[in-house]
Amino acid sequence: MKKTISVIGVPMDLGQGRRGVDMGPSAIRYANLKERIERLGYTVQDQGNIHVPTAETHTIDNQKLKYLPEVTRVSADIAEEVAGVMGQGHFPIILGGDHSIAIGSLAGVTQHVKKLGVIWFDAHGDMNTDETTPSGNIHGMPLAVSLGVGHPDLVNVGGFFPKIRPENVVIVGARSIDPDERELIRKHGVTTFTMHEIDKLGIAKVMEEAIRIASEGTDGIHLSLDLDSIDPDMCPGVGTPVLGGVTYREGHLAMEMLYQSKTVVSCDLVEVNPILDESNITARTAVDLVCSLLGESVM
């Protein structure tokens, strides 16, 4: 991995329905993200936060695409910032905020890594569109958008689409997928390892396959790590918790295997909501996991 890490905060809460996730970047920083990464021998540059408008100062014009203009503008700003730090040869870690930030993250990364694989660590599929969404929340759409499916304003962030190819995308840890979203996942051929596969095969086998699929014919892997992928006993501070998730230790093994693969070029950490948390344990877990991704080990 690059020896310089650029941390980009995105206090985004416009993409989902529960307030508080805008404080996620602060909570993750407070959990000693910079200090922990520096101990691993990296140089850390904190780029500060992308500006995100306050929900109360804007109105929702489309209930199927809530805060579409605002999310689109922020996504473009994220893309520009991420592309800028990657142009300097840095490894970007983008702190959410809700998962809609991945629209901008992937738009920025793919300006430098044209053939990009994606591992989407999430309890949800995030493959809805304005036609399938039951909520209208854009944080349920970023994977579909990045594949070129969805509203043109979102799909065209960064000026091109699709950002990624379905044959190099893997969802890991899914356990809550909407019926129409399930059909989109199948239609586009996105590999999905639900908790059933993790229970049956074990996290090591699942990650071996996920890394193989995401790296085959690509120039690197983007990890999009939604903390609701981890079981709520270790990550209670998320907006859409789902019981029966990846365990703390399984999460670490997954990150350790990604580090050993030497393929990861960028990372999102999303959906940390301090208002719903207990003693900042979700943010601390996020930092623990990203340190394993960056090579922290017992020996």
C-alpha atoms as a PDB file:
ATOM      1  CA  MET A   1       0.000   0.000   0.000  1.00  0.00           C
ATOM      2  CA  LYS A   2       1.014   3.640  -0.407  1.00  0.00           C
ATOM      3  CA  LYS A   3       3.022   4.950   2.530  1.00  0.00           C
ATOM      4  CA  THR A   4       1.011   8.167   2.748  1.00  0.00           C
ATOM      5  CA  ILE A   5      -2.622   7.936   3.823  1.00  0.00           C
ATOM      6  CA  SER A   6      -5.010  10.803   3.067  1.00  0.00           C
ATOM      7  CA  VAL A   7      -8.048  10.945   5.339  1.00  0.00           C
ATOM      8  CA  ILE A   8     -11.106  12.684   3.872  1.00  0.00           C
ATOM      9  CA  GLY A   9     -14.132  13.312   6.057  1.00  0.00           C
ATOM     10  CA  VAL A  10     -17.627  13.491   4.588  1.00  0.00           C
ATOM     11  CA  PRO A  11     -20.242  14.358   7.257  1.00  0.00           C
ATOM     12  CA  MET A  12     -23.071  13.259   4.986  1.00  0.00           C
ATOM     13  CA  ASP A  13     -26.499  12.489   6.405  1.00  0.00           C
ATOM     14  CA  LEU A  14     -28.650  13.419   3.405  1.00  0.00           C
ATOM     15  CA  GLY A  15     -28.584   9.912   1.933  1.00  0.00           C
ATOM     16  CA  GLN A  16     -30.494   8.205   4.745  1.00  0.00           C
ATOM     17  CA  GLY A  17     -33.320   8.756   7.163  1.00  0.00           C
ATOM     18  CA  ARG A  18     -31.747   8.712  10.630  1.00  0.00           C
ATOM     19  CA  ARG A  19     -29.884  11.786  11.779  1.00  0.00           C
ATOM     20  CA  GLY A  20     -26.493  11.626  13.489  1.00  0.00           C
ATOM     21  CA  VAL A  21     -24.353   9.841  10.905  1.00  0.00           C
ATOM     22  CA  ASP A  22     -22.915  13.245   9.936  1.00  0.00           C
ATOM     23  CA  MET A  23     -20.883  12.993  13.161  1.00  0.00           C
ATOM     24  CA  GLY A  24     -19.269   9.758  12.010  1.00  0.00           C
ATOM     25  CA  PRO A  25     -16.013  11.330  10.769  1.00  0.00           C
ATOM     26  CA  SER A  26     -15.510  13.092  14.105  1.00  0.00           C
ATOM     27  CA  ALA A  27     -16.201   9.887  16.039  1.00  0.00           C
ATOM     28  CA  ILE A  28     -13.716   7.898  13.952  1.00  0.00           C
ATOM     29  CA  ARG A  29     -11.065  10.583  14.332  1.00  0.00           C
ATOM     30  CA  TYR A  30     -11.756  10.708  18.081  1.00  0.00           C
ATOM     31  CA  ALA A  31     -11.084   6.941  18.188  1.00  0.00           C
ATOM     32  CA  ASN A  32      -7.433   7.782  17.369  1.00  0.00           C
ATOM     33  CA  LEU A  33      -7.496   6.897  13.683  1.00  0.00           C
ATOM     34  CA  LYS A  34      -4.495   9.073  12.794  1.00  0.00           C
ATOM     35  CA  GLU A  35      -2.370   7.990  15.747  1.00  0.00           C
ATOM     36  CA  ARG A  36      -3.103   4.297  15.236  1.00  0.00           C
ATOM     37  CA  ILE A  37      -2.224   4.418  11.529  1.00  0.00           C
ATOM     38  CA  GLU A  38       0.967   6.392  12.178  1.00  0.00           C
ATOM     39  CA  ARG A  39       2.106   3.663  14.576  1.00  0.00           C
ATOM     40  CA  LEU A  40       2.083   1.287  11.599  1.00  0.00           C
ATOM     41  CA  GLY A  41       4.697   3.418   9.852  1.00  0.00           C
ATOM     42  CA  TYR A  42       2.461   5.441   7.552  1.00  0.00           C
ATOM     43  CA  THR A  43       2.386   9.183   7.083  1.00  0.00           C
ATOM     44  CA  VAL A  44      -1.157  10.476   7.609  1.00  0.00           C
ATOM     45  CA  GLN A  45      -2.491  13.667   6.060  1.00  0.00           C
ATOM     46  CA  ASP A  46      -5.954  14.671   7.223  1.00  0.00           C
ATOM     47  CA  GLN A  47      -7.619  16.659   4.461  1.00  0.00           C
ATOM     48  CA  GLY A  48     -10.440  17.821   6.730  1.00  0.00           C
ATOM     49  CA  ASN A  49     -14.100  17.536   5.763  1.00  0.00           C
ATOM     50  CA  ILE A  50     -15.983  17.969   2.505  1.00  0.00           C
ATOM     51  CA  HIS A  51     -18.736  20.553   2.980  1.00  0.00           C
ATOM     52  CA  VAL A  52     -22.188  18.975   3.273  1.00  0.00           C
ATOM     53  CA  PRO A  53     -25.301  21.178   3.466  1.00  0.00           C
ATOM     54  CA  THR A  54     -27.581  20.865   6.487  1.00  0.00           C
ATOM     55  CA  ALA A  55     -30.763  18.923   5.830  1.00  0.00           C
ATOM     56  CA  GLU A  56     -32.921  21.556   7.517  1.00  0.00           C
ATOM     57  CA  THR A  57     -31.834  24.201   4.998  1.00  0.00           C
ATOM     58  CA  HIS A  58     -33.098  22.228   2.001  1.00  0.00           C
ATOM     59  CA  THR A  59     -36.354  20.651   0.930  1.00  0.00           C
ATOM     60  CA  ILE A  60     -37.022  17.247  -0.589  1.00  0.00           C
ATOM     61  CA  ASP A  61     -38.386  17.639  -4.115  1.00  0.00           C
ATOM     62  CA  ASN A  62     -38.486  13.950  -5.033  1.00  0.00           C
ATOM     63  CA  GLN A  63     -39.521  11.361  -2.424  1.00  0.00           C
ATOM     64  CA  LYS A  64     -37.920   8.617  -4.521  1.00  0.00           C
ATOM     65  CA  LEU A  65     -34.554  10.448  -4.623  1.00  0.00           C
ATOM     66  CA  LYS A  66     -34.313  12.432  -1.419  1.00  0.00           C
ATOM     67  CA  TYR A  67     -31.908  15.402  -1.540  1.00  0.00           C
ATOM     68  CA  LEU A  68     -30.814  14.439  -5.062  1.00  0.00           C
ATOM     69  CA  PRO A  69     -29.242  17.831  -6.018  1.00  0.00           C
ATOM     70  CA  GLU A  70     -27.364  18.094  -2.735  1.00  0.00           C
ATOM     71  CA  VAL A  71     -26.094  14.502  -2.801  1.00  0.00           C
ATOM     72  CA  THR A  72     -25.000  14.968  -6.419  1.00  0.00           C
ATOM     73  CA  ARG A  73     -23.013  18.126  -5.596  1.00  0.00           C
ATOM     74  CA  VAL A  74     -21.320  16.571  -2.583  1.00  0.00           C
ATOM     75  CA  SER A  75     -20.502  13.445  -4.597  1.00  0.00           C
ATOM     76  CA  ALA A  76     -18.780  15.599  -7.230  1.00  0.00           C
ATOM     77  CA  ASP A  77     -16.738  17.319  -4.507  1.00  0.00           C
ATOM     78  CA  ILE A  78     -15.734  13.961  -3.023  1.00  0.00           C
ATOM     79  CA  ALA A  79     -14.673  12.714  -6.455  1.00  0.00           C
ATOM     80  CA  GLU A  80     -12.491  15.773  -6.991  1.00  0.00           C
ATOM     81  CA  GLU A  81     -10.838  15.452  -3.577  1.00  0.00           C
ATOM     82  CA  VAL A  82     -10.223  11.719  -3.889  1.00  0.00           C
ATOM     83  CA  ALA A  83      -8.808  12.083  -7.410  1.00  0.00           C
ATOM     84  CA  GLY A  84      -6.538  14.837  -6.139  1.00  0.00           C
ATOM     85  CA  VAL A  85      -4.947  12.824  -3.338  1.00  0.00           C
ATOM     86  CA  MET A  86      -4.589   9.766  -5.554  1.00  0.00           C
ATOM     87  CA  GLY A  87      -2.853  11.953  -8.098  1.00  0.00           C
ATOM     88  CA  GLN A  88      -0.275  12.619  -5.379  1.00  0.00           C
ATOM     89  CA  GLY A  89       0.232   8.886  -4.935  1.00  0.00           C
ATOM     90  CA  HIS A  90      -1.658   8.683  -1.637  1.00  0.00           C
ATOM     91  CA  PHE A  91      -4.027   6.017  -0.324  1.00  0.00           C
ATOM     92  CA  PRO A  92      -7.423   7.628   0.409  1.00  0.00           C
ATOM     93  CA  ILE A  93      -9.552   6.670   3.397  1.00  0.00           C
ATOM     94  CA  ILE A  94     -12.944   8.350   3.121  1.00  0.00           C
ATOM     95  CA  LEU A  95     -14.892   8.670   6.359  1.00  0.00           C
ATOM     96  CA  GLY A  96     -18.696   8.767   6.279  1.00  0.00           C
ATOM     97  CA  GLY A  97     -21.293   9.761   6.747  1.00  0.00           C
ATOM     98  CA  ASP A  98     -23.846   7.546   5.071  1.00  0.00           C
ATOM     99  CA  HIS A  99     -23.038   5.126   2.270  1.00  0.00           C
ATOM    100  CA  SER A 100     -24.093   7.522  -0.489  1.00  0.00           C
ATOM    101  CA  ILE A 101     -20.557   8.945  -0.215  1.00  0.00           C
ATOM    102  CA  ALA A 102     -19.293   5.911  -2.146  1.00  0.00           C
ATOM    103  CA  ILE A 103     -20.764   7.438  -5.318  1.00  0.00           C
ATOM    104  CA  GLY A 104     -18.130  10.159  -5.087  1.00  0.00           C
ATOM    105  CA  SER A 105     -15.387   7.908  -3.760  1.00  0.00           C
ATOM    106  CA  LEU A 106     -15.600   5.520  -6.691  1.00  0.00           C
ATOM    107  CA  ALA A 107     -15.889   8.382  -9.165  1.00  0.00           C
ATOM    108  CA  GLY A 108     -12.631   9.769  -7.797  1.00  0.00           C
ATOM    109  CA  VAL A 109     -10.708   6.498  -7.522  1.00  0.00           C
ATOM    110  CA  THR A 110     -11.590   5.396 -11.042  1.00  0.00           C
ATOM    111  CA  GLN A 111     -10.056   8.544 -12.493  1.00  0.00           C
ATOM    112  CA  HIS A 112      -6.720   6.901 -11.630  1.00  0.00           C
ATOM    113  CA  VAL A 113      -7.546   3.187 -11.459  1.00  0.00           C
ATOM    114  CA  LYS A 114      -9.478   2.528 -14.636  1.00  0.00           C
ATOM    115  CA  LYS A 115     -10.024  -1.183 -14.028  1.00  0.00           C
ATOM    116  CA  LEU A 116     -11.201  -1.257 -10.429  1.00  0.00           C
ATOM    117  CA  GLY A 117     -12.559  -4.175  -8.436  1.00  0.00           C
ATOM    118  CA  VAL A 118     -14.843  -3.543  -5.467  1.00  0.00           C
ATOM    119  CA  ILE A 119     -15.503  -5.450  -2.266  1.00  0.00           C
ATOM    120  CA  TRP A 120     -18.697  -4.111  -0.726  1.00  0.00           C
ATOM    121  CA  PHE A 121     -18.747  -5.149   2.949  1.00  0.00           C
ATOM    122  CA  ASP A 122     -22.358  -4.493   3.927  1.00  0.00           C
ATOM    123  CA  ALA A 123     -25.484  -5.967   5.487  1.00  0.00           C
ATOM    124  CA  HIS A 124     -27.373  -4.515   2.509  1.00  0.00           C
ATOM    125  CA  GLY A 125     -27.027  -4.686  -1.259  1.00  0.00           C
ATOM    126  CA  ASP A 126     -27.151  -0.923  -1.951  1.00  0.00           C
ATOM    127  CA  MET A 127     -28.408  -1.827  -5.432  1.00  0.00           C
ATOM    128  CA  ASN A 128     -31.711   0.062  -5.402  1.00  0.00           C
ATOM    129  CA  THR A 129     -32.754   2.724  -7.897  1.00  0.00           C
ATOM    130  CA  ASP A 130     -35.477   5.344  -7.814  1.00  0.00           C
ATOM    131  CA  GLU A 131     -37.736   2.711  -9.388  1.00  0.00           C
ATOM    132  CA  THR A 132     -37.110   0.022  -6.752  1.00  0.00           C
ATOM    133  CA  THR A 133     -36.370   1.929  -3.548  1.00  0.00           C
ATOM    134  CA  PRO A 134     -38.858   1.497  -0.707  1.00  0.00           C
ATOM    135  CA  SER A 135     -37.483   4.558   1.127  1.00  0.00           C
ATOM    136  CA  GLY A 136     -36.096   7.030  -1.417  1.00  0.00           C
ATOM    137  CA  ASN A 137     -32.837   7.167   0.541  1.00  0.00           C
ATOM    138  CA  ILE A 138     -29.840   7.402  -1.772  1.00  0.00           C
ATOM    139  CA  HIS A 139     -27.573   5.507   0.627  1.00  0.00           C
ATOM    140  CA  GLY A 140     -29.370   2.409  -0.667  1.00  0.00           C
ATOM    141  CA  MET A 141     -28.283   3.151  -4.256  1.00  0.00           C
ATOM    142  CA  PRO A 142     -24.498   3.777  -4.504  1.00  0.00           C
ATOM    143  CA  LEU A 143     -23.482   0.371  -5.836  1.00  0.00           C
ATOM    144  CA  ALA A 144     -26.133   0.483  -8.565  1.00  0.00           C
ATOM    145  CA  VAL A 145     -25.123   4.055  -9.437  1.00  0.00           C
ATOM    146  CA  SER A 146     -21.448   3.099  -9.712  1.00  0.00           C
ATOM    147  CA  LEU A 147     -22.413   0.281 -12.076  1.00  0.00           C
ATOM    148  CA  GLY A 148     -24.170   2.846 -14.265  1.00  0.00           C
ATOM    149  CA  VAL A 149     -27.722   2.090 -13.133  1.00  0.00           C
ATOM    150  CA  GLY A 150     -29.906   4.874 -11.745  1.00  0.00           C
ATOM    151  CA  HIS A 151     -30.652   8.550 -12.099  1.00  0.00           C
ATOM    152  CA  PRO A 152     -28.442  10.283 -14.709  1.00  0.00           C
ATOM    153  CA  ASP A 153     -27.305  12.997 -12.279  1.00  0.00           C
ATOM    154  CA  LEU A 154     -25.838  10.389  -9.946  1.00  0.00           C
ATOM    155  CA  VAL A 155     -24.569   8.032 -12.637  1.00  0.00           C
ATOM    156  CA  ASN A 156     -22.674  10.866 -14.358  1.00  0.00           C
ATOM    157  CA  VAL A 157     -20.811  12.145 -11.293  1.00  0.00           C
ATOM    158  CA  GLY A 158     -17.206  12.562 -12.450  1.00  0.00           C
ATOM    159  CA  GLY A 159     -18.314  12.850 -16.068  1.00  0.00           C
ATOM    160  CA  PHE A 160     -18.305   9.185 -17.043  1.00  0.00           C
ATOM    161  CA  PHE A 161     -20.040   5.873 -16.377  1.00  0.00           C
ATOM    162  CA  PRO A 162     -20.032   3.086 -15.480  1.00  0.00           C
ATOM    163  CA  LYS A 163     -17.283   3.389 -12.885  1.00  0.00           C
ATOM    164  CA  ILE A 164     -16.988  -0.348 -12.254  1.00  0.00           C
ATOM    165  CA  ARG A 165     -17.872  -3.670 -13.889  1.00  0.00           C
ATOM    166  CA  PRO A 166     -20.264  -6.131 -12.221  1.00  0.00           C
ATOM    167  CA  GLU A 167     -17.977  -9.100 -12.833  1.00  0.00           C
ATOM    168  CA  ASN A 168     -15.408  -7.506 -10.494  1.00  0.00           C
ATOM    169  CA  VAL A 169     -17.842  -6.509  -7.724  1.00  0.00           C
ATOM    170  CA  VAL A 170     -18.442  -8.650  -4.638  1.00  0.00           C
ATOM    171  CA  ILE A 171     -20.911  -8.000  -1.824  1.00  0.00           C
ATOM    172  CA  VAL A 172     -19.852  -9.613   1.468  1.00  0.00           C
ATOM    173  CA  GLY A 173     -21.999 -10.007   4.583  1.00  0.00           C
ATOM    174  CA  ALA A 174     -25.422  -9.301   3.081  1.00  0.00           C
ATOM    175  CA  ARG A 175     -28.458 -10.263   5.156  1.00  0.00           C
ATOM    176  CA  SER A 176     -31.103  -7.667   4.257  1.00  0.00           C
ATOM    177  CA  ILE A 177     -31.889  -7.202   0.549  1.00  0.00           C
ATOM    178  CA  ASP A 178     -35.109  -5.779  -0.883  1.00  0.00           C
ATOM    179  CA  PRO A 179     -36.990  -8.035  -3.364  1.00  0.00           C
ATOM    180  CA  ASP A 180     -36.591  -5.759  -6.411  1.00  0.00           C
ATOM    181  CA  GLU A 181     -32.992  -5.053  -5.424  1.00  0.00           C
ATOM    182  CA  ARG A 182     -32.358  -8.803  -5.373  1.00  0.00           C
ATOM    183  CA  GLU A 183     -33.501  -9.004  -8.980  1.00  0.00           C
ATOM    184  CA  LEU A 184     -31.147  -6.175  -9.991  1.00  0.00           C
ATOM    185  CA  ILE A 185     -28.226  -7.931  -8.317  1.00  0.00           C
ATOM    186  CA  ARG A 186     -29.016 -11.122 -10.192  1.00  0.00           C
ATOM    187  CA  LYS A 187     -29.623  -9.308 -13.469  1.00  0.00           C
ATOM    188  CA  HIS A 188     -26.246  -7.598 -13.373  1.00  0.00           C
ATOM    189  CA  GLY A 189     -24.364 -10.648 -12.137  1.00  0.00           C
ATOM    190  CA  VAL A 190     -22.901  -9.151  -8.964  1.00  0.00           C
ATOM    191  CA  THR A 191     -21.403 -11.889  -6.799  1.00  0.00           C
ATOM    192  CA  THR A 192     -22.991 -11.859  -3.360  1.00  0.00           C
ATOM    193  CA  PHE A 193     -21.816 -13.739  -0.287  1.00  0.00           C
ATOM    194  CA  THR A 194     -24.603 -13.558   2.261  1.00  0.00           C
ATOM    195  CA  MET A 195     -24.210 -14.571   5.888  1.00  0.00           C
ATOM    196  CA  HIS A 196     -25.435 -18.007   4.799  1.00  0.00           C
ATOM    197  CA  GLU A 197     -22.289 -18.486   2.709  1.00  0.00           C
ATOM    198  CA  ILE A 198     -20.079 -17.085   5.462  1.00  0.00           C
ATOM    199  CA  ASP A 199     -21.625 -19.484   7.999  1.00  0.00           C
ATOM    200  CA  LYS A 200     -21.374 -22.423   5.608  1.00  0.00           C
ATOM    201  CA  LEU A 201     -17.973 -21.825   4.007  1.00  0.00           C
ATOM    202  CA  GLY A 202     -16.195 -19.712   6.599  1.00  0.00           C
ATOM    203  CA  ILE A 203     -14.921 -16.164   6.197  1.00  0.00           C
ATOM    204  CA  ALA A 204     -11.513 -17.300   4.923  1.00  0.00           C
ATOM    205  CA  LYS A 205     -12.963 -19.148   1.929  1.00  0.00           C
ATOM    206  CA  VAL A 206     -15.394 -16.317   1.199  1.00  0.00           C
ATOM    207  CA  MET A 207     -12.604 -13.733   1.239  1.00  0.00           C
ATOM    208  CA  GLU A 208     -10.355 -15.872  -0.942  1.00  0.00           C
ATOM    209  CA  GLU A 209     -13.103 -15.941  -3.555  1.00  0.00           C
ATOM    210  CA  ALA A 210     -14.001 -12.262  -3.086  1.00  0.00           C
ATOM    211  CA  ILE A 211     -10.395 -11.155  -3.567  1.00  0.00           C
ATOM    212  CA  ARG A 212      -9.984 -13.416  -6.596  1.00  0.00           C
ATOM    213  CA  ILE A 213     -13.131 -12.058  -8.276  1.00  0.00           C
ATOM    214  CA  ALA A 214     -12.429  -8.404  -7.465  1.00  0.00           C
ATOM    215  CA  SER A 215      -8.783  -8.581  -8.552  1.00  0.00           C
ATOM    216  CA  GLU A 216      -9.159 -10.657 -11.725  1.00  0.00           C
ATOM    217  CA  GLY A 217      -8.190  -8.398 -14.622  1.00  0.00           C
ATOM    218  CA  THR A 218      -8.233  -5.271 -12.458  1.00  0.00           C
ATOM    219  CA  ASP A 219      -5.559  -2.842 -11.294  1.00  0.00           C
ATOM    220  CA  GLY A 220      -6.679  -2.708  -7.679  1.00  0.00           C
ATOM    221  CA  ILE A 221      -9.568  -3.112  -5.250  1.00  0.00           C
ATOM    222  CA  HIS A 222     -11.668  -0.490  -3.494  1.00  0.00           C
ATOM    223  CA  LEU A 223     -13.021  -1.600  -0.113  1.00  0.00           C
ATOM    224  CA  SER A 224     -16.337  -0.042   0.863  1.00  0.00           C
ATOM    225  CA  LEU A 225     -16.770  -0.966   4.525  1.00  0.00           C
ATOM    226  CA  ASP A 226     -20.201  -0.295   5.987  1.00  0.00           C
ATOM    227  CA  LEU A 227     -20.048  -0.852   9.738  1.00  0.00           C
ATOM    228  CA  ASP A 228     -23.499  -2.439   9.678  1.00  0.00           C
ATOM    229  CA  SER A 229     -21.770  -5.457   8.089  1.00  0.00           C
ATOM    230  CA  ILE A 230     -20.450  -6.213  11.578  1.00  0.00           C
ATOM    231  CA  ASP A 231     -22.880  -7.714  14.072  1.00  0.00           C
ATOM    232  CA  PRO A 232     -24.629  -5.071  16.217  1.00  0.00           C
ATOM    233  CA  ASP A 233     -23.091  -6.474  19.394  1.00  0.00           C
ATOM    234  CA  MET A 234     -19.821  -4.799  18.323  1.00  0.00           C
ATOM    235  CA  CYS A 235     -21.289  -2.069  16.098  1.00  0.00           C
ATOM    236  CA  PRO A 236     -24.552  -0.833  17.627  1.00  0.00           C
ATOM    237  CA  GLY A 237     -24.014   2.714  16.341  1.00  0.00           C
ATOM    238  CA  VAL A 238     -25.323   2.334  12.790  1.00  0.00           C
ATOM    239  CA  GLY A 239     -28.538   3.592  11.215  1.00  0.00           C
ATOM    240  CA  THR A 240     -29.780   0.260   9.860  1.00  0.00           C
ATOM    241  CA  PRO A 241     -28.498  -2.536  12.143  1.00  0.00           C
ATOM    242  CA  VAL A 242     -29.296  -6.135  11.217  1.00  0.00           C
ATOM    243  CA  LEU A 243     -28.813  -9.040  13.601  1.00  0.00           C
ATOM    244  CA  GLY A 244     -26.576 -11.953  12.695  1.00  0.00           C
ATOM    245  CA  GLY A 245     -23.686 -10.128  11.096  1.00  0.00           C
ATOM    246  CA  VAL A 246     -19.967 -10.673  10.646  1.00  0.00           C
ATOM    247  CA  THR A 247     -18.235 -11.180  13.989  1.00  0.00           C
ATOM    248  CA  TYR A 248     -15.448  -8.928  15.226  1.00  0.00           C
ATOM    249  CA  ARG A 249     -12.849 -11.618  14.622  1.00  0.00           C
ATOM    250  CA  GLU A 250     -14.223 -12.531  11.178  1.00  0.00           C
ATOM    251  CA  GLY A 251     -14.015  -8.862  10.242  1.00  0.00           C
ATOM    252  CA  HIS A 252     -10.376  -8.718  11.271  1.00  0.00           C
ATOM    253  CA  LEU A 253      -9.480 -11.840   9.323  1.00  0.00           C
ATOM    254  CA  ALA A 254     -11.164 -10.371   6.236  1.00  0.00           C
ATOM    255  CA  MET A 255      -9.125  -7.165   6.582  1.00  0.00           C
ATOM    256  CA  GLU A 256      -5.910  -9.089   7.225  1.00  0.00           C
ATOM    257  CA  MET A 257      -6.455 -11.129   4.082  1.00  0.00           C
ATOM    258  CA  LEU A 258      -7.073  -7.976   2.069  1.00  0.00           C
ATOM    259  CA  TYR A 259      -3.801  -6.540   3.362  1.00  0.00           C
ATOM    260  CA  GLN A 260      -1.944  -9.721   2.471  1.00  0.00           C
ATOM    261  CA  SER A 261      -3.389  -9.619  -1.045  1.00  0.00           C
ATOM    262  CA  LYS A 262      -1.629  -6.261  -1.692  1.00  0.00           C
ATOM    263  CA  THR A 263      -4.488  -5.250  -3.962  1.00  0.00           C
ATOM    264  CA  VAL A 264      -6.422  -2.570  -2.026  1.00  0.00           C
ATOM    265  CA  VAL A 265      -5.962   0.980  -3.350  1.00  0.00           C
ATOM    266  CA  SER A 266      -8.682   2.898  -1.470  1.00  0.00           C
ATOM    267  CA  CYS A 267     -11.259   2.533   1.296  1.00  0.00           C
ATOM    268  CA  ASP A 268     -14.554   3.952   2.582  1.00  0.00           C
ATOM    269  CA  LEU A 269     -15.624   3.687   6.235  1.00  0.00           C
ATOM    270  CA  VAL A 270     -19.319   4.513   6.448  1.00  0.00           C
ATOM    271  CA  GLU A 271     -22.513   4.599   8.517  1.00  0.00           C
ATOM    272  CA  VAL A 272     -20.982   5.238  11.964  1.00  0.00           C
ATOM    273  CA  ASN A 273     -23.701   7.053  13.934  1.00  0.00           C
ATOM    274  CA  PRO A 274     -22.483   8.230  17.363  1.00  0.00           C
ATOM    275  CA  ILE A 275     -25.997   9.137  18.524  1.00  0.00           C
ATOM    276  CA  LEU A 276     -26.956   5.462  18.352  1.00  0.00           C
ATOM    277  CA  ASP A 277     -23.628   4.194  19.686  1.00  0.00           C
ATOM    278  CA  GLU A 278     -22.423   2.990  23.076  1.00  0.00           C
ATOM    279  CA  SER A 279     -19.159   4.572  24.324  1.00  0.00           C
ATOM    280  CA  ASN A 280     -17.984   5.065  20.720  1.00  0.00           C
ATOM    281  CA  ILE A 281     -17.496   1.311  20.289  1.00  0.00           C
ATOM    282  CA  THR A 282     -18.579   1.384  16.616  1.00  0.00           C
ATOM    283  CA  ALA A 283     -16.008   4.027  15.710  1.00  0.00           C
ATOM    284  CA  ARG A 284     -13.341   2.176  17.683  1.00  0.00           C
ATOM    285  CA  THR A 285     -14.207  -1.015  15.822  1.00  0.00           C
ATOM    286  CA  ALA A 286     -13.934   0.883  12.533  1.00  0.00           C
ATOM    287  CA  VAL A 287     -10.429   2.025  13.471  1.00  0.00           C
ATOM    288  CA  ASP A 288      -9.448  -1.488  14.588  1.00  0.00           C
ATOM    289  CA  LEU A 289     -10.583  -2.910  11.252  1.00  0.00           C
ATOM    290  CA  VAL A 290      -8.866  -0.292   9.096  1.00  0.00           C
ATOM    291  CA  CYS A 291      -5.626  -0.890  10.998  1.00  0.00           C
ATOM    292  CA  SER A 292      -5.842  -4.592  10.135  1.00  0.00           C
ATOM    293  CA  LEU A 293      -6.462  -3.564   6.527  1.00  0.00           C
ATOM    294  CA  LEU A 294      -3.222  -1.535   6.716  1.00  0.00           C
ATOM    295  CA  GLY A 295      -1.132  -4.379   8.147  1.00  0.00           C
ATOM    296  CA  GLU A 296      -1.524  -4.338  11.907  1.00  0.00           C
ATOM    297  CA  SER A 297      -0.937  -7.822  13.335  1.00  0.00           C
ATOM    298  CA  VAL A 298      -0.207  -9.560  16.620  1.00  0.00           C
ATOM    299  CA  MET A 299       3.287 -10.663  15.550  1.00  0.00           C
END
